[in-house]
Amino acid sequence: MRPLTDKLPKPLLPIAGKPLIVHHIERLAEAGFSELIINHAHLGEMIEAELGDGAAWGVEIRYSPESVALETGGGIYHALPLLGEGSFLVLNGDIWCDFDYSCLNLKQTDMAHLVLVPNPDHHRQGDFQLKEGRVSQGSERRLTFSGIGVYHPRLFASCRPEAFPLGPLLRVAMDRGRVSGECFSGLWMDIGTPQRLSRLEQLIMQDRPDAISES
């Protein structure tokens, strides 16, 4: 996303008149989530200054700063002391999605529940196979991981405080039959380039031409 993110962290990039992360907070609040943990590294102090304690949206926001970026898995592990002992929702800060978060849940015997989406043009090979509500590494009809998942702390039981990706942990849990999933076919976009950011803005305005004036 450079040069856009040279002086502004990706979650604060403006979409339809407000920062991307504010759209996430609003949707989470609407879905009934009241306690949010935001991990950050690059220009993270700007995120804290922009969002504060979350009172503006009727939620409580706490932060998990990383002096060095810990990747997705390491970032979640670092934030575990703030997340408690039950399952929790993780939402990547660089996606756009109109998914209804209130319908998510994790079965007691599972370690993760993933939201998958149809493969976008830039990731045609997909990530995982979804069959009868279970996610595996199968090669048929693979779908793309959306960046939305519900996890249980025991998924991270063998981890250490260091940078590491989430994928290998999920694959181990899949091999044990402990990962469920669902396919979401609504609006979803990985905002990884300025071109996709511009395209998202166009899609939002086509769907809601009043989106900017109302924000």
Protein backbone atom coordinates (compact mmCIF):
# COMPACT_ATOMS: atom_id res chain seq x y z
CA MET A 1 0.00 0.00 0.00
CA ARG A 2 2.98 2.34 -0.15
CA PRO A 3 3.20 5.26 -0.52
CA LEU A 4 -0.22 5.58 1.17
CA THR A 5 1.01 3.84 4.33
CA ASP A 6 4.34 5.66 4.63
CA LYS A 7 2.76 8.15 7.03
CA LEU A 8 -0.56 6.48 7.85
CA PRO A 9 -1.19 2.93 9.14
CA LYS A 10 -3.39 0.86 6.85
CA PRO A 11 -6.33 0.66 9.32
CA LEU A 12 -6.60 4.46 9.22
CA LEU A 13 -6.85 4.72 5.44
CA PRO A 14 -10.09 6.58 4.63
CA ILE A 15 -12.98 4.63 3.12
CA ALA A 16 -16.25 6.45 2.38
CA GLY A 17 -15.28 9.35 4.60
CA LYS A 18 -13.98 7.53 7.67
CA PRO A 19 -11.01 5.29 8.60
CA LEU A 20 -11.26 1.65 7.55
CA ILE A 21 -10.97 0.46 11.14
CA VAL A 22 -13.90 2.65 12.20
CA HIS A 23 -16.12 0.75 9.78
CA HIS A 24 -15.00 -2.46 11.51
CA ILE A 25 -15.69 -1.05 14.96
CA GLU A 26 -19.16 0.09 13.95
CA ARG A 27 -20.08 -3.31 12.52
CA LEU A 28 -18.72 -5.12 15.58
CA ALA A 29 -20.66 -2.83 17.91
CA GLU A 30 -23.83 -3.44 15.89
CA ALA A 31 -23.23 -7.19 16.23
CA GLY A 32 -23.05 -6.92 20.03
CA PHE A 33 -19.31 -6.92 20.64
CA SER A 34 -18.41 -4.56 23.48
CA GLU A 35 -14.75 -5.35 24.25
CA LEU A 36 -12.20 -4.93 21.48
CA ILE A 37 -8.45 -5.56 21.49
CA ILE A 38 -6.40 -3.90 18.76
CA ASN A 39 -2.84 -5.03 18.15
CA HIS A 40 -0.54 -2.72 16.24
CA ALA A 41 3.06 -2.09 15.27
CA HIS A 42 3.64 0.31 12.34
CA LEU A 43 2.55 3.81 13.40
CA GLY A 44 0.39 2.25 16.08
CA GLU A 45 0.38 5.38 18.22
CA MET A 46 -1.68 7.04 15.49
CA ILE A 47 -4.33 4.33 15.82
CA GLU A 48 -4.54 4.84 19.59
CA ALA A 49 -4.77 8.60 19.17
CA GLU A 50 -7.56 8.26 16.60
CA LEU A 51 -9.69 5.69 18.44
CA GLY A 52 -9.02 6.34 22.11
CA ASP A 53 -10.88 4.08 24.52
CA GLY A 54 -13.74 3.33 22.13
CA ALA A 55 -16.38 5.28 24.04
CA ALA A 56 -17.40 7.10 20.85
CA TRP A 57 -18.80 3.80 19.54
CA GLY A 58 -20.09 2.41 22.82
CA VAL A 59 -17.30 -0.16 23.15
CA GLU A 60 -14.18 -0.59 25.25
CA ILE A 61 -10.94 -0.63 23.27
CA ARG A 62 -7.67 -1.88 24.69
CA TYR A 63 -4.40 -2.10 22.82
CA SER A 64 -1.69 -4.71 22.36
CA PRO A 65 1.32 -2.80 20.99
CA GLU A 66 4.16 -4.69 19.32
CA SER A 67 7.63 -3.15 19.32
CA VAL A 68 8.41 -5.47 16.40
CA ALA A 69 5.68 -6.79 14.11
CA LEU A 70 4.80 -10.31 15.31
CA GLU A 71 2.80 -11.53 12.29
CA THR A 72 -0.75 -12.76 12.76
CA GLY A 73 -0.05 -15.75 14.98
CA GLY A 74 2.52 -14.01 17.14
CA GLY A 75 0.29 -10.97 17.48
CA ILE A 76 -2.63 -13.05 18.72
CA TYR A 77 -0.40 -14.94 21.15
CA HIS A 78 0.98 -11.65 22.49
CA ALA A 79 -2.58 -10.41 23.08
CA LEU A 80 -3.85 -13.57 24.82
CA PRO A 81 -3.53 -12.10 28.36
CA LEU A 82 -6.10 -9.48 27.31
CA LEU A 83 -8.44 -11.95 25.63
CA GLY A 84 -9.41 -14.20 28.53
CA GLU A 85 -9.94 -17.95 28.58
CA GLY A 86 -12.84 -18.30 26.13
CA SER A 87 -13.01 -18.20 22.35
CA PHE A 88 -12.58 -14.87 20.59
CA LEU A 89 -13.10 -13.30 17.17
CA VAL A 90 -10.13 -12.07 15.14
CA LEU A 91 -10.66 -9.70 12.24
CA ASN A 92 -7.83 -8.59 9.95
CA GLY A 93 -7.62 -4.82 9.86
CA ASP A 94 -6.86 -4.64 6.14
CA ILE A 95 -10.03 -6.21 4.75
CA TRP A 96 -13.51 -4.93 3.98
CA CYS A 97 -16.49 -7.19 4.58
CA ASP A 98 -20.22 -6.81 5.21
CA PHE A 99 -20.38 -10.12 7.10
CA ASP A 100 -22.77 -10.39 10.07
CA TYR A 101 -20.43 -11.07 12.99
CA SER A 102 -23.29 -11.80 15.38
CA CYS A 103 -23.81 -15.24 13.83
CA LEU A 104 -20.30 -16.53 14.56
CA ASN A 105 -19.69 -19.25 17.12
CA LEU A 106 -17.18 -21.97 17.92
CA LYS A 107 -18.13 -25.50 18.89
CA GLN A 108 -16.71 -26.63 22.21
CA THR A 109 -14.61 -29.34 20.58
CA ASP A 110 -13.11 -27.10 17.87
CA MET A 111 -10.04 -24.88 17.96
CA ALA A 112 -11.04 -22.55 15.14
CA HIS A 113 -13.91 -21.49 12.91
CA LEU A 114 -12.94 -19.76 9.66
CA VAL A 115 -14.94 -17.59 7.31
CA LEU A 116 -13.95 -18.40 3.73
CA VAL A 117 -14.82 -16.50 0.56
CA PRO A 118 -14.82 -17.24 -3.18
CA ASN A 119 -11.33 -16.84 -4.62
CA PRO A 120 -10.56 -13.30 -5.82
CA ASP A 121 -8.68 -12.72 -9.07
CA HIS A 122 -5.40 -12.12 -7.24
CA HIS A 123 -5.64 -15.42 -5.30
CA ARG A 124 -7.29 -17.92 -7.64
CA GLN A 125 -5.66 -20.96 -6.02
CA GLY A 126 -7.47 -20.42 -2.72
CA ASP A 127 -6.31 -21.55 0.71
CA PHE A 128 -8.47 -24.31 2.16
CA GLN A 129 -11.20 -26.78 1.29
CA LEU A 130 -14.63 -26.51 2.90
CA LYS A 131 -16.80 -29.62 2.99
CA GLU A 132 -19.86 -30.19 5.16
CA GLY A 133 -18.86 -27.41 7.50
CA ARG A 134 -15.31 -28.67 8.05
CA VAL A 135 -12.13 -26.99 6.81
CA SER A 136 -9.19 -29.03 5.53
CA GLN A 137 -6.11 -28.77 3.35
CA GLY A 138 -7.83 -30.68 0.54
CA SER A 139 -7.13 -29.64 -3.03
CA GLU A 140 -10.68 -29.65 -4.43
CA ARG A 141 -12.83 -26.50 -4.59
CA ARG A 142 -10.49 -24.50 -2.42
CA LEU A 143 -11.68 -21.18 -1.03
CA THR A 144 -9.82 -18.14 0.28
CA PHE A 145 -9.48 -17.39 3.99
CA SER A 146 -11.19 -14.05 4.58
CA GLY A 147 -9.12 -12.94 7.56
CA ILE A 148 -12.13 -13.51 9.83
CA GLY A 149 -11.94 -16.32 12.35
CA VAL A 150 -12.98 -17.43 15.81
CA TYR A 151 -10.25 -19.11 17.85
CA HIS A 152 -9.83 -20.81 21.19
CA PRO A 153 -6.72 -20.06 23.27
CA ARG A 154 -5.76 -23.74 23.23
CA LEU A 155 -4.90 -23.33 19.53
CA PHE A 156 -1.84 -21.43 20.77
CA ALA A 157 -0.94 -23.76 23.66
CA SER A 158 2.40 -24.83 22.16
CA CYS A 159 3.50 -21.36 21.03
CA ARG A 160 6.24 -19.09 22.29
CA PRO A 161 6.42 -15.28 22.46
CA GLU A 162 7.90 -14.59 19.05
CA ALA A 163 6.82 -13.65 15.54
CA PHE A 164 5.05 -16.48 13.70
CA PRO A 165 2.29 -16.93 11.11
CA LEU A 166 -1.15 -18.30 11.92
CA GLY A 167 -1.37 -20.68 8.96
CA PRO A 168 0.77 -23.54 10.31
CA LEU A 169 -1.24 -23.67 13.54
CA LEU A 170 -4.48 -23.85 11.58
CA ARG A 171 -3.16 -26.62 9.35
CA VAL A 172 -2.21 -28.75 12.35
CA ALA A 173 -5.67 -28.22 13.83
CA MET A 174 -7.26 -29.09 10.47
CA ASP A 175 -5.35 -32.36 10.32
CA ARG A 176 -6.85 -33.16 13.73
CA GLY A 177 -10.35 -32.35 12.49
CA ARG A 178 -10.70 -29.38 14.83
CA VAL A 179 -11.48 -26.55 12.39
CA SER A 180 -14.99 -25.66 11.21
CA GLY A 181 -15.90 -23.07 8.63
CA GLU A 182 -18.43 -21.39 6.39
CA CYS A 183 -18.46 -19.67 3.01
CA PHE A 184 -19.49 -16.02 2.76
CA SER A 185 -20.51 -14.77 -0.68
CA GLY A 186 -21.23 -11.12 0.17
CA LEU A 187 -18.96 -8.13 -0.33
CA TRP A 188 -15.39 -8.88 0.76
CA MET A 189 -12.11 -7.35 -0.33
CA ASP A 190 -8.49 -7.64 0.70
CA ILE A 191 -7.28 -4.05 0.60
CA GLY A 192 -3.70 -4.82 -0.35
CA THR A 193 -3.10 -2.27 -3.11
CA PRO A 194 -4.10 1.33 -3.86
CA GLN A 195 -6.05 0.00 -6.84
CA ARG A 196 -8.19 -2.26 -4.65
CA LEU A 197 -8.74 0.60 -2.23
CA SER A 198 -10.03 2.74 -5.09
CA ARG A 199 -12.20 -0.10 -6.37
CA LEU A 200 -13.72 -0.59 -2.92
CA GLU A 201 -14.60 3.08 -2.71
CA GLN A 202 -16.37 2.78 -6.07
CA LEU A 203 -18.32 -0.30 -4.96
CA ILE A 204 -19.46 1.38 -1.75
CA MET A 205 -20.59 4.49 -3.57
CA GLN A 206 -22.48 2.42 -6.15
CA ASP A 207 -24.28 0.57 -3.39
CA ARG A 208 -24.79 3.59 -1.13
CA PRO A 209 -24.32 6.89 -2.99
CA ASP A 210 -25.01 8.73 0.28
CA ALA A 211 -22.25 6.90 2.19
CA ILE A 212 -19.84 9.81 2.30
CA SER A 213 -22.36 12.54 3.02
CA GLU A 214 -23.82 10.54 5.92
CA SER A 215 -20.46 9.80 7.56
